[in-house]
Amino acid sequence: MIKIYITQFDHDRLMKLLNQRAPHDKFDKALLSELERGEIVEPKDIPPDVVTMNSHVKLKGANGEKWDFWLVFPENVNLSEGKISVLSPTGCALLGYKVGQKVTIHTPHKGDHVLEITEVVSQPEREGKFDL
């Protein structure tokens, strides 16, 4: 299993969010699973190529298709701006992974998709923003 990294700040905020959402649906449970297996690090210690909350990420699909997303909390979702929720299948799959790694997105209607993280364009921690 691929090692993933999650900042302590993101972990705490996501756990609070999930605790408020009980009972949990399958997307909540998937995120809980990721949070349990992730290595928790201080925000200043997160590698610069890891997808954290509020990161801007570029992805490439198996057929060469490209995507550009921001990973956000549910209250900040705006699909027309490419802002996807961490509680979505894609958002949950991206959290904690880094450039060059492939993630499998499980979607209920379209099956599984494998996407490669090609770039973390912006990461709050890399930019010294530890409180987003």
N, C-alpha and C. Protein backbone atom coordinates (compact mmCIF):
# COMPACT_ATOMS: atom_id res chain seq x y z
N MET A 1 0.84 -1.18 0.00
CA MET A 1 0.00 0.00 0.00
C MET A 1 0.89 1.24 0.00
N ILE A 2 0.51 2.22 -0.79
CA ILE A 2 1.26 3.46 -0.91
C ILE A 2 1.10 4.29 0.36
N LYS A 3 2.22 4.84 0.82
CA LYS A 3 2.21 5.70 2.00
C LYS A 3 1.65 7.07 1.61
N ILE A 4 0.77 7.59 2.47
CA ILE A 4 0.24 8.93 2.24
C ILE A 4 0.53 9.81 3.45
N TYR A 5 0.55 11.11 3.22
CA TYR A 5 0.86 12.09 4.26
C TYR A 5 -0.30 13.05 4.43
N ILE A 6 -0.61 13.35 5.69
CA ILE A 6 -1.69 14.28 6.00
C ILE A 6 -1.19 15.21 7.09
N THR A 7 -1.43 16.51 6.91
CA THR A 7 -0.98 17.43 7.96
C THR A 7 -1.87 17.28 9.19
N GLN A 8 -1.30 17.56 10.34
CA GLN A 8 -2.06 17.49 11.60
C GLN A 8 -3.26 18.43 11.53
N PHE A 9 -3.06 19.60 10.96
CA PHE A 9 -4.13 20.59 10.84
C PHE A 9 -5.28 20.05 9.98
N ASP A 10 -4.95 19.48 8.81
CA ASP A 10 -5.98 18.90 7.94
C ASP A 10 -6.67 17.73 8.63
N HIS A 11 -5.88 16.87 9.27
CA HIS A 11 -6.43 15.71 9.97
C HIS A 11 -7.45 16.15 11.02
N ASP A 12 -7.09 17.13 11.84
CA ASP A 12 -7.98 17.59 12.89
C ASP A 12 -9.27 18.18 12.32
N ARG A 13 -9.15 19.00 11.29
CA ARG A 13 -10.35 19.62 10.68
C ARG A 13 -11.23 18.58 10.01
N LEU A 14 -10.62 17.61 9.35
CA LEU A 14 -11.40 16.57 8.67
C LEU A 14 -12.09 15.65 9.68
N MET A 15 -11.42 15.33 10.77
CA MET A 15 -12.05 14.50 11.80
C MET A 15 -13.24 15.24 12.42
N LYS A 16 -13.09 16.53 12.64
CA LYS A 16 -14.19 17.33 13.18
C LYS A 16 -15.37 17.32 12.20
N LEU A 17 -15.08 17.51 10.92
CA LEU A 17 -16.12 17.47 9.89
C LEU A 17 -16.83 16.12 9.90
N LEU A 18 -16.07 15.05 9.92
CA LEU A 18 -16.67 13.71 9.88
C LEU A 18 -17.46 13.41 11.15
N ASN A 19 -17.00 13.88 12.28
CA ASN A 19 -17.74 13.67 13.53
C ASN A 19 -19.09 14.36 13.51
N GLN A 20 -19.18 15.47 12.79
CA GLN A 20 -20.44 16.20 12.68
C GLN A 20 -21.40 15.54 11.70
N ARG A 21 -20.89 14.65 10.86
CA ARG A 21 -21.70 14.05 9.81
C ARG A 21 -22.24 12.67 10.16
N ALA A 22 -22.00 12.17 11.33
CA ALA A 22 -22.47 10.83 11.69
C ALA A 22 -23.99 10.77 11.59
N PRO A 23 -24.58 9.68 11.12
CA PRO A 23 -23.91 8.46 10.65
C PRO A 23 -23.21 8.69 9.31
N HIS A 24 -22.19 7.89 9.06
CA HIS A 24 -21.35 8.08 7.89
C HIS A 24 -21.86 7.31 6.67
N ASP A 25 -21.77 7.99 5.51
CA ASP A 25 -22.05 7.30 4.26
C ASP A 25 -20.75 6.66 3.76
N LYS A 26 -20.78 6.03 2.59
CA LYS A 26 -19.60 5.32 2.11
C LYS A 26 -18.45 6.26 1.79
N PHE A 27 -18.73 7.49 1.41
CA PHE A 27 -17.66 8.45 1.11
C PHE A 27 -16.98 8.90 2.40
N ASP A 28 -17.78 9.13 3.44
CA ASP A 28 -17.22 9.47 4.75
C ASP A 28 -16.33 8.33 5.24
N LYS A 29 -16.80 7.11 5.09
CA LYS A 29 -16.02 5.95 5.54
C LYS A 29 -14.72 5.82 4.76
N ALA A 30 -14.76 6.12 3.48
CA ALA A 30 -13.53 6.07 2.67
C ALA A 30 -12.53 7.10 3.17
N LEU A 31 -13.00 8.30 3.49
CA LEU A 31 -12.10 9.33 4.00
C LEU A 31 -11.56 8.95 5.37
N LEU A 32 -12.39 8.39 6.22
CA LEU A 32 -11.92 7.93 7.54
C LEU A 32 -10.80 6.90 7.38
N SER A 33 -10.98 6.01 6.44
CA SER A 33 -9.96 4.99 6.18
C SER A 33 -8.64 5.63 5.76
N GLU A 34 -8.71 6.64 4.89
CA GLU A 34 -7.50 7.33 4.45
C GLU A 34 -6.84 8.06 5.63
N LEU A 35 -7.64 8.69 6.47
CA LEU A 35 -7.10 9.42 7.62
C LEU A 35 -6.43 8.47 8.60
N GLU A 36 -6.99 7.27 8.76
CA GLU A 36 -6.41 6.29 9.68
C GLU A 36 -5.07 5.75 9.19
N ARG A 37 -4.92 5.61 7.89
CA ARG A 37 -3.68 5.03 7.38
C ARG A 37 -2.60 6.05 7.05
N GLY A 38 -2.99 7.33 6.99
CA GLY A 38 -2.03 8.37 6.64
C GLY A 38 -1.02 8.64 7.74
N GLU A 39 0.18 9.03 7.34
CA GLU A 39 1.19 9.47 8.30
C GLU A 39 0.91 10.94 8.59
N ILE A 40 0.68 11.25 9.86
CA ILE A 40 0.34 12.61 10.27
C ILE A 40 1.65 13.38 10.50
N VAL A 41 1.75 14.54 9.84
CA VAL A 41 2.94 15.38 9.98
C VAL A 41 2.52 16.82 10.27
N GLU A 42 3.42 17.56 10.85
CA GLU A 42 3.17 18.98 11.07
C GLU A 42 3.11 19.68 9.72
N PRO A 43 2.28 20.72 9.57
CA PRO A 43 2.16 21.40 8.28
C PRO A 43 3.50 21.87 7.71
N LYS A 44 4.40 22.34 8.56
CA LYS A 44 5.69 22.83 8.06
C LYS A 44 6.58 21.70 7.54
N ASP A 45 6.23 20.45 7.88
CA ASP A 45 7.05 19.31 7.49
C ASP A 45 6.49 18.51 6.31
N ILE A 46 5.35 18.94 5.77
CA ILE A 46 4.74 18.20 4.65
C ILE A 46 5.60 18.40 3.40
N PRO A 47 5.88 17.32 2.67
CA PRO A 47 6.63 17.49 1.42
C PRO A 47 5.86 18.40 0.46
N PRO A 48 6.54 19.21 -0.34
CA PRO A 48 5.89 20.20 -1.19
C PRO A 48 5.09 19.62 -2.36
N ASP A 49 5.28 18.33 -2.66
CA ASP A 49 4.57 17.72 -3.78
C ASP A 49 3.41 16.84 -3.34
N VAL A 50 2.96 16.98 -2.09
CA VAL A 50 1.85 16.20 -1.55
C VAL A 50 0.56 17.00 -1.64
N VAL A 51 -0.53 16.33 -1.99
CA VAL A 51 -1.85 16.96 -2.06
C VAL A 51 -2.41 17.11 -0.65
N THR A 52 -2.59 18.36 -0.24
CA THR A 52 -3.21 18.66 1.05
C THR A 52 -4.52 19.39 0.78
N MET A 53 -5.24 19.70 1.83
CA MET A 53 -6.47 20.46 1.66
C MET A 53 -6.12 21.82 1.07
N ASN A 54 -6.96 22.28 0.15
CA ASN A 54 -6.83 23.55 -0.56
C ASN A 54 -5.67 23.56 -1.55
N SER A 55 -5.19 22.36 -1.92
CA SER A 55 -4.15 22.27 -2.96
C SER A 55 -4.79 22.36 -4.34
N HIS A 56 -4.04 22.89 -5.28
CA HIS A 56 -4.41 22.95 -6.69
C HIS A 56 -3.59 21.85 -7.37
N VAL A 57 -4.28 20.91 -8.01
CA VAL A 57 -3.65 19.69 -8.51
C VAL A 57 -3.97 19.46 -9.97
N LYS A 58 -2.97 18.98 -10.72
CA LYS A 58 -3.18 18.57 -12.11
C LYS A 58 -3.05 17.06 -12.20
N LEU A 59 -3.96 16.46 -12.99
CA LEU A 59 -4.02 15.00 -13.12
C LEU A 59 -4.05 14.60 -14.58
N LYS A 60 -3.63 13.36 -14.83
CA LYS A 60 -3.68 12.81 -16.18
C LYS A 60 -4.31 11.43 -16.10
N GLY A 61 -5.27 11.16 -17.00
CA GLY A 61 -5.92 9.87 -17.04
C GLY A 61 -5.18 8.90 -17.94
N ALA A 62 -5.61 7.65 -17.91
CA ALA A 62 -4.97 6.58 -18.69
C ALA A 62 -5.03 6.85 -20.18
N ASN A 63 -6.06 7.55 -20.63
CA ASN A 63 -6.22 7.85 -22.06
C ASN A 63 -5.63 9.21 -22.44
N GLY A 64 -4.86 9.80 -21.54
CA GLY A 64 -4.23 11.08 -21.83
C GLY A 64 -5.06 12.30 -21.46
N GLU A 65 -6.31 12.08 -21.02
CA GLU A 65 -7.14 13.21 -20.64
C GLU A 65 -6.54 13.90 -19.43
N LYS A 66 -6.77 15.21 -19.32
CA LYS A 66 -6.18 16.00 -18.24
C LYS A 66 -7.26 16.70 -17.43
N TRP A 67 -6.98 16.80 -16.13
CA TRP A 67 -7.88 17.49 -15.21
C TRP A 67 -7.08 18.44 -14.35
N ASP A 68 -7.80 19.43 -13.85
CA ASP A 68 -7.21 20.48 -13.03
C ASP A 68 -8.21 20.74 -11.89
N PHE A 69 -7.84 20.41 -10.65
CA PHE A 69 -8.76 20.53 -9.52
C PHE A 69 -8.13 21.26 -8.34
N TRP A 70 -9.00 21.83 -7.52
CA TRP A 70 -8.66 22.31 -6.18
C TRP A 70 -9.34 21.36 -5.22
N LEU A 71 -8.63 20.86 -4.21
CA LEU A 71 -9.21 19.97 -3.20
C LEU A 71 -9.68 20.83 -2.03
N VAL A 72 -11.00 20.87 -1.80
CA VAL A 72 -11.56 21.79 -0.81
C VAL A 72 -12.51 21.08 0.16
N PHE A 73 -12.85 21.79 1.21
CA PHE A 73 -13.85 21.31 2.15
C PHE A 73 -15.22 21.47 1.49
N PRO A 74 -16.20 20.67 1.92
CA PRO A 74 -17.52 20.67 1.25
C PRO A 74 -18.16 22.05 1.10
N GLU A 75 -17.98 22.93 2.06
CA GLU A 75 -18.62 24.24 1.98
C GLU A 75 -18.00 25.15 0.92
N ASN A 76 -16.86 24.75 0.36
CA ASN A 76 -16.18 25.56 -0.66
C ASN A 76 -16.27 24.98 -2.07
N VAL A 77 -17.06 23.95 -2.24
CA VAL A 77 -17.19 23.30 -3.55
C VAL A 77 -17.75 24.28 -4.57
N ASN A 78 -17.13 24.29 -5.74
CA ASN A 78 -17.62 25.07 -6.87
C ASN A 78 -17.11 24.36 -8.12
N LEU A 79 -17.93 23.50 -8.68
CA LEU A 79 -17.49 22.67 -9.81
C LEU A 79 -17.11 23.50 -11.03
N SER A 80 -17.76 24.64 -11.23
CA SER A 80 -17.41 25.46 -12.39
C SER A 80 -16.01 26.06 -12.26
N GLU A 81 -15.49 26.14 -11.02
CA GLU A 81 -14.13 26.62 -10.77
C GLU A 81 -13.15 25.47 -10.54
N GLY A 82 -13.63 24.22 -10.67
CA GLY A 82 -12.76 23.06 -10.47
C GLY A 82 -12.50 22.74 -9.01
N LYS A 83 -13.33 23.25 -8.11
CA LYS A 83 -13.15 23.00 -6.68
C LYS A 83 -14.00 21.81 -6.27
N ILE A 84 -13.30 20.71 -5.94
CA ILE A 84 -14.01 19.46 -5.60
C ILE A 84 -13.86 19.15 -4.12
N SER A 85 -14.88 18.52 -3.59
CA SER A 85 -14.92 18.20 -2.17
C SER A 85 -14.02 17.02 -1.83
N VAL A 86 -13.41 17.10 -0.67
CA VAL A 86 -12.64 15.98 -0.15
C VAL A 86 -13.55 14.78 0.12
N LEU A 87 -14.85 15.01 0.21
CA LEU A 87 -15.80 13.92 0.44
C LEU A 87 -16.26 13.26 -0.86
N SER A 88 -15.84 13.78 -2.00
CA SER A 88 -16.17 13.14 -3.28
C SER A 88 -15.20 11.99 -3.53
N PRO A 89 -15.55 11.06 -4.41
CA PRO A 89 -14.62 9.96 -4.70
C PRO A 89 -13.25 10.45 -5.17
N THR A 90 -13.23 11.46 -6.03
CA THR A 90 -11.95 11.98 -6.53
C THR A 90 -11.19 12.69 -5.42
N GLY A 91 -11.86 13.54 -4.68
CA GLY A 91 -11.20 14.29 -3.62
C GLY A 91 -10.61 13.40 -2.55
N CYS A 92 -11.37 12.42 -2.12
CA CYS A 92 -10.89 11.49 -1.10
C CYS A 92 -9.68 10.72 -1.60
N ALA A 93 -9.70 10.32 -2.86
CA ALA A 93 -8.59 9.54 -3.42
C ALA A 93 -7.31 10.35 -3.53
N LEU A 94 -7.41 11.67 -3.70
CA LEU A 94 -6.22 12.51 -3.89
C LEU A 94 -5.50 12.87 -2.60
N LEU A 95 -6.23 13.01 -1.51
CA LEU A 95 -5.65 13.50 -0.27
C LEU A 95 -4.46 12.66 0.18
N GLY A 96 -3.33 13.34 0.37
CA GLY A 96 -2.15 12.68 0.91
C GLY A 96 -1.21 12.06 -0.10
N TYR A 97 -1.63 11.98 -1.35
CA TYR A 97 -0.77 11.40 -2.39
C TYR A 97 0.12 12.48 -2.97
N LYS A 98 1.17 12.05 -3.69
CA LYS A 98 2.10 13.05 -4.22
C LYS A 98 2.31 12.88 -5.71
N VAL A 99 2.97 13.86 -6.28
CA VAL A 99 3.25 13.89 -7.71
C VAL A 99 3.92 12.58 -8.12
N GLY A 100 3.43 12.04 -9.26
CA GLY A 100 3.96 10.80 -9.80
C GLY A 100 3.19 9.57 -9.37
N GLN A 101 2.40 9.69 -8.32
CA GLN A 101 1.62 8.55 -7.86
C GLN A 101 0.29 8.48 -8.61
N LYS A 102 -0.22 7.27 -8.71
CA LYS A 102 -1.51 7.04 -9.36
C LYS A 102 -2.54 6.70 -8.31
N VAL A 103 -3.73 7.24 -8.52
CA VAL A 103 -4.85 6.98 -7.61
C VAL A 103 -5.98 6.35 -8.42
N THR A 104 -6.71 5.47 -7.76
CA THR A 104 -7.87 4.86 -8.38
C THR A 104 -9.12 5.51 -7.82
N ILE A 105 -9.92 6.03 -8.72
CA ILE A 105 -11.16 6.70 -8.35
C ILE A 105 -12.30 5.70 -8.58
N HIS A 106 -13.04 5.43 -7.52
CA HIS A 106 -14.20 4.53 -7.62
C HIS A 106 -15.45 5.38 -7.74
N THR A 107 -16.07 5.34 -8.91
CA THR A 107 -17.30 6.11 -9.12
C THR A 107 -18.47 5.15 -9.28
N PRO A 108 -19.62 5.50 -8.72
CA PRO A 108 -20.74 4.58 -8.74
C PRO A 108 -21.30 4.29 -10.13
N HIS A 109 -21.24 5.26 -11.04
CA HIS A 109 -21.88 5.06 -12.34
C HIS A 109 -20.91 4.81 -13.48
N LYS A 110 -19.67 5.21 -13.32
CA LYS A 110 -18.72 5.09 -14.42
C LYS A 110 -17.58 4.11 -14.13
N GLY A 111 -17.64 3.41 -13.01
CA GLY A 111 -16.60 2.44 -12.69
C GLY A 111 -15.34 3.08 -12.17
N ASP A 112 -14.24 2.34 -12.25
CA ASP A 112 -12.96 2.81 -11.72
C ASP A 112 -12.16 3.53 -12.79
N HIS A 113 -11.46 4.58 -12.36
CA HIS A 113 -10.56 5.34 -13.22
C HIS A 113 -9.23 5.48 -12.50
N VAL A 114 -8.15 5.32 -13.24
CA VAL A 114 -6.82 5.52 -12.68
C VAL A 114 -6.29 6.86 -13.19
N LEU A 115 -5.91 7.71 -12.25
CA LEU A 115 -5.38 9.03 -12.57
C LEU A 115 -4.00 9.19 -11.95
N GLU A 116 -3.11 9.84 -12.69
CA GLU A 116 -1.78 10.13 -12.17
C GLU A 116 -1.72 11.60 -11.77
N ILE A 117 -1.15 11.86 -10.61
CA ILE A 117 -0.95 13.24 -10.17
C ILE A 117 0.30 13.74 -10.89
N THR A 118 0.12 14.75 -11.74
CA THR A 118 1.25 15.24 -12.53
C THR A 118 1.87 16.50 -11.94
N GLU A 119 1.09 17.25 -11.15
CA GLU A 119 1.64 18.48 -10.57
C GLU A 119 0.79 18.94 -9.40
N VAL A 120 1.44 19.40 -8.37
CA VAL A 120 0.76 20.15 -7.31
C VAL A 120 1.14 21.60 -7.57
N VAL A 121 0.23 22.30 -8.24
CA VAL A 121 0.48 23.67 -8.68
C VAL A 121 0.62 24.59 -7.48
N SER A 122 -0.26 24.40 -6.52
CA SER A 122 -0.28 25.25 -5.33
C SER A 122 -0.62 24.37 -4.14
N GLN A 123 0.13 24.57 -3.06
CA GLN A 123 -0.11 23.85 -1.81
C GLN A 123 0.04 24.88 -0.69
N PRO A 124 -0.99 25.08 0.12
CA PRO A 124 -0.92 26.13 1.13
C PRO A 124 0.33 26.05 2.03
N GLU A 125 0.66 24.86 2.46
CA GLU A 125 1.80 24.70 3.37
C GLU A 125 3.11 25.11 2.70
N ARG A 126 3.26 24.78 1.43
CA ARG A 126 4.46 25.14 0.70
C ARG A 126 4.59 26.65 0.60
N GLU A 127 3.44 27.32 0.60
CA GLU A 127 3.39 28.78 0.47
C GLU A 127 3.37 29.50 1.82
N GLY A 128 3.56 28.71 2.89
CA GLY A 128 3.59 29.31 4.24
C GLY A 128 2.23 29.62 4.81
N LYS A 129 1.18 29.07 4.23
CA LYS A 129 -0.18 29.30 4.72
C LYS A 129 -0.59 28.06 5.50
N PHE A 130 -0.48 28.13 6.82
CA PHE A 130 -0.74 26.97 7.65
C PHE A 130 -2.11 26.98 8.31
N ASP A 131 -2.96 27.90 7.93
CA ASP A 131 -4.25 28.03 8.62
C ASP A 131 -5.46 28.09 7.70
N LEU A 132 -5.36 27.53 6.52
CA LEU A 132 -6.51 27.56 5.60
C LEU A 132 -7.49 26.45 5.90
